[in-house]
Amino acid sequence: MDAFASFFDSQSASRNRWSYDSLKNLRQISPLVQNHLKQVYLTLCCALVASAAGAYLHILWNIGGLLTTLACFGCMTWLLSISPYEEKRRVALLMATALFQGASIGPLIDLAIQIDPSVLITAFVGTAIAFGCFSAAAMLARRREYLYLGGLLSSGLSILLWLHFASSIFGGSAALFKFELYFGLLVFVGYVVVDTQDIIEKAHLGDLDYVKHALSLFTDFVAVFVRILIIMVSNAWSE
């Protein structure tokens, strides 16, 4: 009994120490950086609303496709080329990017609604929970703790691009497609952690470009959402 009691006491002390260390790490984020993060996530929420509007416009008028994808990349490039001081124009371009991005993934969303509307809701909620959990983990961790993962994730992203390129030329199997989906999901979930810590570190160094930082998190969110939705649609289609 004494052994069990000492074991549970040690586990409780470990949990309390982890909680204290986590709160101490969170206090390392200055009030200025905390306000910047609030602005980033508020802008991200607005971009997600604009993306949902784009998907709805596709369902109404079937506008999603190659043109909206090109328009999305065009607006994104235009946004990144503008000076950070032109705040209103950059926010408008971010919303336009999100709108065209939502229209571009509109066909996938429309397919999910036709198969089972609950799949779409489950995929979005799952993405939001995963995004929130991994963002919180990056905030509670020590500064720069996960930034080293950026190189590994870049290598994983290049592997995905080469696999996609090879499968488009030589043809791919269902197993390869599933590997690309799950491996891509793992890569972009990792990018959520790395990009969050990168944003915090840049803010500490004086880079308070919340529009650009919101764009980084928006692309991560959409990439995770698309892969989760494809996995769930595939599973619902096979049932």
C-alpha atoms as a PDB file:
ATOM      1  CA  MET A   1       0.000   0.000   0.000  1.00  0.00           C
ATOM      2  CA  ASP A   2       2.847   2.385   0.824  1.00  0.00           C
ATOM      3  CA  ALA A   3       4.363   1.679  -2.580  1.00  0.00           C
ATOM      4  CA  PHE A   4       1.095   2.503  -4.338  1.00  0.00           C
ATOM      5  CA  ALA A   5       0.651   5.655  -2.264  1.00  0.00           C
ATOM      6  CA  SER A   6       4.160   6.862  -3.056  1.00  0.00           C
ATOM      7  CA  PHE A   7       3.586   6.113  -6.748  1.00  0.00           C
ATOM      8  CA  PHE A   8       0.384   8.180  -6.902  1.00  0.00           C
ATOM      9  CA  ASP A   9       1.997  10.978  -4.891  1.00  0.00           C
ATOM     10  CA  SER A  10       4.876  11.120  -7.367  1.00  0.00           C
ATOM     11  CA  GLN A  11       2.458  11.155 -10.305  1.00  0.00           C
ATOM     12  CA  SER A  12       0.457  13.978  -8.701  1.00  0.00           C
ATOM     13  CA  ALA A  13       3.615  15.977  -8.039  1.00  0.00           C
ATOM     14  CA  SER A  14       4.707  15.438 -11.643  1.00  0.00           C
ATOM     15  CA  ARG A  15       1.363  16.732 -12.958  1.00  0.00           C
ATOM     16  CA  ASN A  16       1.489  19.761 -10.673  1.00  0.00           C
ATOM     17  CA  ARG A  17       5.047  20.491 -11.733  1.00  0.00           C
ATOM     18  CA  TRP A  18       4.080  20.193 -15.430  1.00  0.00           C
ATOM     19  CA  SER A  19       1.176  22.581 -14.902  1.00  0.00           C
ATOM     20  CA  TYR A  20       3.375  25.095 -13.099  1.00  0.00           C
ATOM     21  CA  ASP A  21       6.086  24.853 -15.742  1.00  0.00           C
ATOM     22  CA  SER A  22       3.497  25.278 -18.481  1.00  0.00           C
ATOM     23  CA  LEU A  23       2.061  28.399 -16.860  1.00  0.00           C
ATOM     24  CA  LYS A  24       5.563  29.738 -16.339  1.00  0.00           C
ATOM     25  CA  ASN A  25       6.323  29.203 -20.022  1.00  0.00           C
ATOM     26  CA  LEU A  26       3.090  30.991 -20.928  1.00  0.00           C
ATOM     27  CA  ARG A  27       4.156  33.948 -18.787  1.00  0.00           C
ATOM     28  CA  GLN A  28       7.279  34.196 -20.942  1.00  0.00           C
ATOM     29  CA  ILE A  29       5.006  35.629 -23.650  1.00  0.00           C
ATOM     30  CA  SER A  30       4.953  39.373 -23.116  1.00  0.00           C
ATOM     31  CA  PRO A  31       1.658  41.331 -23.102  1.00  0.00           C
ATOM     32  CA  LEU A  32       2.593  42.861 -26.461  1.00  0.00           C
ATOM     33  CA  VAL A  33       3.025  39.414 -28.012  1.00  0.00           C
ATOM     34  CA  GLN A  34      -0.193  38.172 -26.377  1.00  0.00           C
ATOM     35  CA  ASN A  35      -2.122  41.056 -27.938  1.00  0.00           C
ATOM     36  CA  HIS A  36      -0.477  40.260 -31.270  1.00  0.00           C
ATOM     37  CA  LEU A  37      -1.587  36.619 -30.997  1.00  0.00           C
ATOM     38  CA  LYS A  38      -5.154  37.725 -30.241  1.00  0.00           C
ATOM     39  CA  GLN A  39      -5.087  39.877 -33.361  1.00  0.00           C
ATOM     40  CA  VAL A  40      -3.664  37.018 -35.424  1.00  0.00           C
ATOM     41  CA  TYR A  41      -6.323  34.537 -34.308  1.00  0.00           C
ATOM     42  CA  LEU A  42      -9.128  37.059 -34.730  1.00  0.00           C
ATOM     43  CA  THR A  43      -7.942  37.691 -38.297  1.00  0.00           C
ATOM     44  CA  LEU A  44      -7.717  33.927 -38.821  1.00  0.00           C
ATOM     45  CA  CYS A  45     -11.343  33.515 -37.720  1.00  0.00           C
ATOM     46  CA  CYS A  46     -12.424  36.224 -40.176  1.00  0.00           C
ATOM     47  CA  ALA A  47     -10.476  34.464 -42.950  1.00  0.00           C
ATOM     48  CA  LEU A  48     -12.219  31.171 -42.135  1.00  0.00           C
ATOM     49  CA  VAL A  49     -15.598  32.898 -42.370  1.00  0.00           C
ATOM     50  CA  ALA A  50     -14.598  34.320 -45.758  1.00  0.00           C
ATOM     51  CA  SER A  51     -13.489  30.846 -46.848  1.00  0.00           C
ATOM     52  CA  ALA A  52     -16.853  29.396 -45.804  1.00  0.00           C
ATOM     53  CA  ALA A  53     -18.540  32.130 -47.848  1.00  0.00           C
ATOM     54  CA  GLY A  54     -16.454  31.126 -50.862  1.00  0.00           C
ATOM     55  CA  ALA A  55     -17.489  27.489 -50.478  1.00  0.00           C
ATOM     56  CA  TYR A  56     -21.135  28.564 -50.204  1.00  0.00           C
ATOM     57  CA  LEU A  57     -20.803  30.634 -53.394  1.00  0.00           C
ATOM     58  CA  HIS A  58     -19.479  27.543 -55.176  1.00  0.00           C
ATOM     59  CA  ILE A  59     -22.474  25.510 -54.010  1.00  0.00           C
ATOM     60  CA  LEU A  60     -24.793  28.248 -55.321  1.00  0.00           C
ATOM     61  CA  TRP A  61     -23.126  29.060 -58.633  1.00  0.00           C
ATOM     62  CA  ASN A  62     -20.466  26.358 -59.188  1.00  0.00           C
ATOM     63  CA  ILE A  63     -17.591  28.859 -59.408  1.00  0.00           C
ATOM     64  CA  GLY A  64     -14.835  26.737 -57.863  1.00  0.00           C
ATOM     65  CA  GLY A  65     -12.099  25.396 -60.092  1.00  0.00           C
ATOM     66  CA  LEU A  66      -8.827  26.293 -61.760  1.00  0.00           C
ATOM     67  CA  LEU A  67      -9.640  30.005 -62.070  1.00  0.00           C
ATOM     68  CA  THR A  68     -10.402  30.428 -58.365  1.00  0.00           C
ATOM     69  CA  THR A  69      -7.216  28.521 -57.489  1.00  0.00           C
ATOM     70  CA  LEU A  70      -5.143  30.842 -59.682  1.00  0.00           C
ATOM     71  CA  ALA A  71      -6.956  33.847 -58.206  1.00  0.00           C
ATOM     72  CA  CYS A  72      -6.161  32.567 -54.717  1.00  0.00           C
ATOM     73  CA  PHE A  73      -2.443  32.291 -55.484  1.00  0.00           C
ATOM     74  CA  GLY A  74      -2.520  35.670 -57.213  1.00  0.00           C
ATOM     75  CA  CYS A  75      -4.083  37.419 -54.207  1.00  0.00           C
ATOM     76  CA  MET A  76      -1.663  35.668 -51.871  1.00  0.00           C
ATOM     77  CA  THR A  77       1.346  36.780 -53.940  1.00  0.00           C
ATOM     78  CA  TRP A  78      -0.023  40.320 -54.127  1.00  0.00           C
ATOM     79  CA  LEU A  79      -0.530  40.376 -50.352  1.00  0.00           C
ATOM     80  CA  LEU A  80       3.038  39.252 -49.645  1.00  0.00           C
ATOM     81  CA  SER A  81       4.456  41.852 -52.026  1.00  0.00           C
ATOM     82  CA  ILE A  82       2.707  44.818 -50.358  1.00  0.00           C
ATOM     83  CA  SER A  83       4.297  46.810 -47.551  1.00  0.00           C
ATOM     84  CA  PRO A  84       3.016  45.925 -44.048  1.00  0.00           C
ATOM     85  CA  TYR A  85       2.006  49.560 -43.564  1.00  0.00           C
ATOM     86  CA  GLU A  86      -0.825  49.201 -46.117  1.00  0.00           C
ATOM     87  CA  GLU A  87      -2.917  47.400 -43.549  1.00  0.00           C
ATOM     88  CA  LYS A  88      -6.419  47.763 -45.005  1.00  0.00           C
ATOM     89  CA  ARG A  89      -5.388  46.591 -48.468  1.00  0.00           C
ATOM     90  CA  ARG A  90      -3.531  43.592 -47.058  1.00  0.00           C
ATOM     91  CA  VAL A  91      -6.503  42.571 -44.888  1.00  0.00           C
ATOM     92  CA  ALA A  92      -8.783  42.853 -47.933  1.00  0.00           C
ATOM     93  CA  LEU A  93      -6.385  40.707 -49.964  1.00  0.00           C
ATOM     94  CA  LEU A  94      -6.283  38.125 -47.162  1.00  0.00           C
ATOM     95  CA  MET A  95     -10.077  37.938 -47.169  1.00  0.00           C
ATOM     96  CA  ALA A  96     -10.052  37.617 -50.976  1.00  0.00           C
ATOM     97  CA  THR A  97      -7.456  34.846 -50.718  1.00  0.00           C
ATOM     98  CA  ALA A  98      -9.636  33.023 -48.198  1.00  0.00           C
ATOM     99  CA  LEU A  99     -12.750  33.527 -50.345  1.00  0.00           C
ATOM    100  CA  PHE A 100     -11.094  32.068 -53.444  1.00  0.00           C
ATOM    101  CA  GLN A 101      -9.570  29.266 -51.379  1.00  0.00           C
ATOM    102  CA  GLY A 102     -13.011  28.332 -50.062  1.00  0.00           C
ATOM    103  CA  ALA A 103     -14.409  28.352 -53.602  1.00  0.00           C
ATOM    104  CA  SER A 104     -11.501  26.166 -54.770  1.00  0.00           C
ATOM    105  CA  ILE A 105     -12.264  23.456 -52.204  1.00  0.00           C
ATOM    106  CA  GLY A 106     -15.990  23.939 -52.808  1.00  0.00           C
ATOM    107  CA  PRO A 107     -16.304  20.833 -55.046  1.00  0.00           C
ATOM    108  CA  LEU A 108     -14.922  18.654 -52.233  1.00  0.00           C
ATOM    109  CA  ILE A 109     -17.294  20.255 -49.712  1.00  0.00           C
ATOM    110  CA  ASP A 110     -20.217  19.805 -52.111  1.00  0.00           C
ATOM    111  CA  LEU A 111     -19.343  16.116 -52.502  1.00  0.00           C
ATOM    112  CA  ALA A 112     -19.185  15.683 -48.726  1.00  0.00           C
ATOM    113  CA  ILE A 113     -22.618  17.295 -48.338  1.00  0.00           C
ATOM    114  CA  GLN A 114     -24.092  14.986 -50.967  1.00  0.00           C
ATOM    115  CA  ILE A 115     -22.667  11.892 -49.264  1.00  0.00           C
ATOM    116  CA  ASP A 116     -23.344  12.851 -45.644  1.00  0.00           C
ATOM    117  CA  PRO A 117     -23.572  16.429 -44.313  1.00  0.00           C
ATOM    118  CA  SER A 118     -22.461  15.277 -40.860  1.00  0.00           C
ATOM    119  CA  VAL A 119     -19.059  14.353 -42.358  1.00  0.00           C
ATOM    120  CA  LEU A 120     -18.403  18.011 -43.161  1.00  0.00           C
ATOM    121  CA  ILE A 121     -19.288  19.153 -39.634  1.00  0.00           C
ATOM    122  CA  THR A 122     -17.216  16.388 -38.042  1.00  0.00           C
ATOM    123  CA  ALA A 123     -14.220  17.196 -40.229  1.00  0.00           C
ATOM    124  CA  PHE A 124     -14.377  20.904 -39.379  1.00  0.00           C
ATOM    125  CA  VAL A 125     -14.802  20.299 -35.648  1.00  0.00           C
ATOM    126  CA  GLY A 126     -11.965  17.750 -35.679  1.00  0.00           C
ATOM    127  CA  THR A 127      -9.715  20.185 -37.518  1.00  0.00           C
ATOM    128  CA  ALA A 128     -10.559  23.006 -35.102  1.00  0.00           C
ATOM    129  CA  ILE A 129      -9.838  20.799 -32.078  1.00  0.00           C
ATOM    130  CA  ALA A 130      -6.554  19.525 -33.504  1.00  0.00           C
ATOM    131  CA  PHE A 131      -5.523  23.031 -34.542  1.00  0.00           C
ATOM    132  CA  GLY A 132      -6.367  24.452 -31.123  1.00  0.00           C
ATOM    133  CA  CYS A 133      -4.591  21.681 -29.225  1.00  0.00           C
ATOM    134  CA  PHE A 134      -1.378  21.861 -31.246  1.00  0.00           C
ATOM    135  CA  SER A 135      -1.365  25.675 -31.160  1.00  0.00           C
ATOM    136  CA  ALA A 136      -1.775  25.577 -27.376  1.00  0.00           C
ATOM    137  CA  ALA A 137       1.031  23.020 -27.128  1.00  0.00           C
ATOM    138  CA  ALA A 138       3.315  25.362 -29.073  1.00  0.00           C
ATOM    139  CA  MET A 139       2.417  28.280 -26.790  1.00  0.00           C
ATOM    140  CA  LEU A 140       2.937  26.305 -23.575  1.00  0.00           C
ATOM    141  CA  ALA A 141       6.266  24.840 -24.700  1.00  0.00           C
ATOM    142  CA  ARG A 142       9.569  26.583 -24.143  1.00  0.00           C
ATOM    143  CA  ARG A 143      10.453  29.221 -26.704  1.00  0.00           C
ATOM    144  CA  ARG A 144      12.054  27.852 -29.887  1.00  0.00           C
ATOM    145  CA  GLU A 145      11.597  24.270 -28.588  1.00  0.00           C
ATOM    146  CA  TYR A 146       9.877  23.014 -31.761  1.00  0.00           C
ATOM    147  CA  LEU A 147      11.434  25.297 -34.359  1.00  0.00           C
ATOM    148  CA  TYR A 148      13.991  22.619 -35.216  1.00  0.00           C
ATOM    149  CA  LEU A 149      11.136  20.557 -36.661  1.00  0.00           C
ATOM    150  CA  GLY A 150      10.862  23.043 -39.525  1.00  0.00           C
ATOM    151  CA  GLY A 151      13.666  21.352 -41.465  1.00  0.00           C
ATOM    152  CA  LEU A 152      12.131  17.908 -41.044  1.00  0.00           C
ATOM    153  CA  LEU A 153       8.708  19.173 -42.097  1.00  0.00           C
ATOM    154  CA  SER A 154      10.166  20.892 -45.160  1.00  0.00           C
ATOM    155  CA  SER A 155      11.763  17.581 -46.135  1.00  0.00           C
ATOM    156  CA  GLY A 156       8.427  15.829 -45.616  1.00  0.00           C
ATOM    157  CA  LEU A 157       6.681  18.430 -47.763  1.00  0.00           C
ATOM    158  CA  SER A 158       9.199  17.960 -50.574  1.00  0.00           C
ATOM    159  CA  ILE A 159       8.647  14.186 -50.363  1.00  0.00           C
ATOM    160  CA  LEU A 160       4.914  14.769 -50.731  1.00  0.00           C
ATOM    161  CA  LEU A 161       5.447  16.995 -53.771  1.00  0.00           C
ATOM    162  CA  TRP A 162       7.702  14.455 -55.469  1.00  0.00           C
ATOM    163  CA  LEU A 163       5.267  11.617 -54.700  1.00  0.00           C
ATOM    164  CA  HIS A 164       2.399  13.627 -56.150  1.00  0.00           C
ATOM    165  CA  PHE A 165       4.464  14.504 -59.204  1.00  0.00           C
ATOM    166  CA  ALA A 166       5.482  10.873 -59.757  1.00  0.00           C
ATOM    167  CA  SER A 167       1.946   9.537 -59.271  1.00  0.00           C
ATOM    168  CA  SER A 168       0.555  12.096 -61.740  1.00  0.00           C
ATOM    169  CA  ILE A 169       3.025  10.900 -64.406  1.00  0.00           C
ATOM    170  CA  PHE A 170       3.309   7.171 -63.749  1.00  0.00           C
ATOM    171  CA  GLY A 171      -0.014   6.602 -62.033  1.00  0.00           C
ATOM    172  CA  GLY A 172      -0.545   5.796 -58.401  1.00  0.00           C
ATOM    173  CA  SER A 173      -2.217   3.083 -56.372  1.00  0.00           C
ATOM    174  CA  ALA A 174      -4.843   3.457 -53.680  1.00  0.00           C
ATOM    175  CA  ALA A 175      -2.217   2.608 -51.054  1.00  0.00           C
ATOM    176  CA  LEU A 176       0.037   5.430 -52.264  1.00  0.00           C
ATOM    177  CA  PHE A 177      -2.897   7.846 -52.211  1.00  0.00           C
ATOM    178  CA  LYS A 178      -3.692   6.906 -48.611  1.00  0.00           C
ATOM    179  CA  PHE A 179      -0.032   7.296 -47.657  1.00  0.00           C
ATOM    180  CA  GLU A 180       0.018  10.791 -49.176  1.00  0.00           C
ATOM    181  CA  LEU A 181      -3.138  11.712 -47.256  1.00  0.00           C
ATOM    182  CA  TYR A 182      -2.013  10.511 -43.829  1.00  0.00           C
ATOM    183  CA  PHE A 183       1.593  11.597 -44.231  1.00  0.00           C
ATOM    184  CA  GLY A 184       0.450  15.013 -45.479  1.00  0.00           C
ATOM    185  CA  LEU A 185      -1.890  15.316 -42.498  1.00  0.00           C
ATOM    186  CA  LEU A 186       1.022  14.579 -40.161  1.00  0.00           C
ATOM    187  CA  VAL A 187       3.228  17.143 -41.917  1.00  0.00           C
ATOM    188  CA  PHE A 188       0.700  19.975 -41.796  1.00  0.00           C
ATOM    189  CA  VAL A 189      -0.252  19.278 -38.185  1.00  0.00           C
ATOM    190  CA  GLY A 190       3.448  19.648 -37.451  1.00  0.00           C
ATOM    191  CA  TYR A 191       3.450  22.936 -39.338  1.00  0.00           C
ATOM    192  CA  VAL A 192       0.735  24.220 -36.979  1.00  0.00           C
ATOM    193  CA  VAL A 193       3.149  23.793 -34.065  1.00  0.00           C
ATOM    194  CA  VAL A 194       6.187  25.185 -35.891  1.00  0.00           C
ATOM    195  CA  ASP A 195       4.357  28.163 -37.399  1.00  0.00           C
ATOM    196  CA  THR A 196       2.810  29.069 -34.041  1.00  0.00           C
ATOM    197  CA  GLN A 197       6.194  29.109 -32.336  1.00  0.00           C
ATOM    198  CA  ASP A 198       7.705  30.942 -35.299  1.00  0.00           C
ATOM    199  CA  ILE A 199       5.015  33.638 -35.027  1.00  0.00           C
ATOM    200  CA  ILE A 200       5.676  34.003 -31.285  1.00  0.00           C
ATOM    201  CA  GLU A 201       9.420  34.235 -31.815  1.00  0.00           C
ATOM    202  CA  LYS A 202       9.083  36.789 -34.625  1.00  0.00           C
ATOM    203  CA  ALA A 203       6.730  38.858 -32.472  1.00  0.00           C
ATOM    204  CA  HIS A 204       9.284  38.855 -29.669  1.00  0.00           C
ATOM    205  CA  LEU A 205      11.822  40.175 -32.183  1.00  0.00           C
ATOM    206  CA  GLY A 206       9.484  42.979 -33.273  1.00  0.00           C
ATOM    207  CA  ASP A 207       7.749  41.452 -36.320  1.00  0.00           C
ATOM    208  CA  LEU A 208       4.065  42.220 -35.630  1.00  0.00           C
ATOM    209  CA  ASP A 209       2.734  41.591 -39.144  1.00  0.00           C
ATOM    210  CA  TYR A 210      -0.493  39.947 -38.043  1.00  0.00           C
ATOM    211  CA  VAL A 211      -1.879  39.656 -41.580  1.00  0.00           C
ATOM    212  CA  LYS A 212       1.052  37.572 -42.807  1.00  0.00           C
ATOM    213  CA  HIS A 213       1.023  35.462 -39.660  1.00  0.00           C
ATOM    214  CA  ALA A 214      -2.727  34.849 -39.997  1.00  0.00           C
ATOM    215  CA  LEU A 215      -2.141  33.791 -43.603  1.00  0.00           C
ATOM    216  CA  SER A 216       0.406  31.180 -42.467  1.00  0.00           C
ATOM    217  CA  LEU A 217      -2.017  29.695 -39.937  1.00  0.00           C
ATOM    218  CA  PHE A 218      -4.887  29.853 -42.433  1.00  0.00           C
ATOM    219  CA  THR A 219      -2.973  27.769 -44.995  1.00  0.00           C
ATOM    220  CA  ASP A 220      -2.140  25.240 -42.258  1.00  0.00           C
ATOM    221  CA  PHE A 221      -5.786  25.042 -41.163  1.00  0.00           C
ATOM    222  CA  VAL A 222      -7.080  24.533 -44.703  1.00  0.00           C
ATOM    223  CA  ALA A 223      -4.426  21.914 -45.468  1.00  0.00           C
ATOM    224  CA  VAL A 224      -5.354  19.906 -42.364  1.00  0.00           C
ATOM    225  CA  PHE A 225      -9.099  20.324 -42.986  1.00  0.00           C
ATOM    226  CA  VAL A 226      -8.900  19.175 -46.621  1.00  0.00           C
ATOM    227  CA  ARG A 227      -7.011  16.021 -45.701  1.00  0.00           C
ATOM    228  CA  ILE A 228      -9.295  15.133 -42.810  1.00  0.00           C
ATOM    229  CA  LEU A 229     -12.329  15.726 -45.023  1.00  0.00           C
ATOM    230  CA  ILE A 230     -10.942  13.553 -47.850  1.00  0.00           C
ATOM    231  CA  ILE A 231     -10.204  10.748 -45.379  1.00  0.00           C
ATOM    232  CA  MET A 232     -13.717  10.919 -43.920  1.00  0.00           C
ATOM    233  CA  VAL A 233     -15.382  11.152 -47.333  1.00  0.00           C
ATOM    234  CA  SER A 234     -13.386   8.125 -48.518  1.00  0.00           C
ATOM    235  CA  ASN A 235     -14.422   6.147 -45.454  1.00  0.00           C
ATOM    236  CA  ALA A 236     -18.099   7.160 -45.838  1.00  0.00           C
ATOM    237  CA  TRP A 237     -17.997   6.322 -49.563  1.00  0.00           C
ATOM    238  CA  SER A 238     -16.595   2.832 -48.913  1.00  0.00           C
ATOM    239  CA  GLU A 239     -19.257   1.992 -46.322  1.00  0.00           C
END
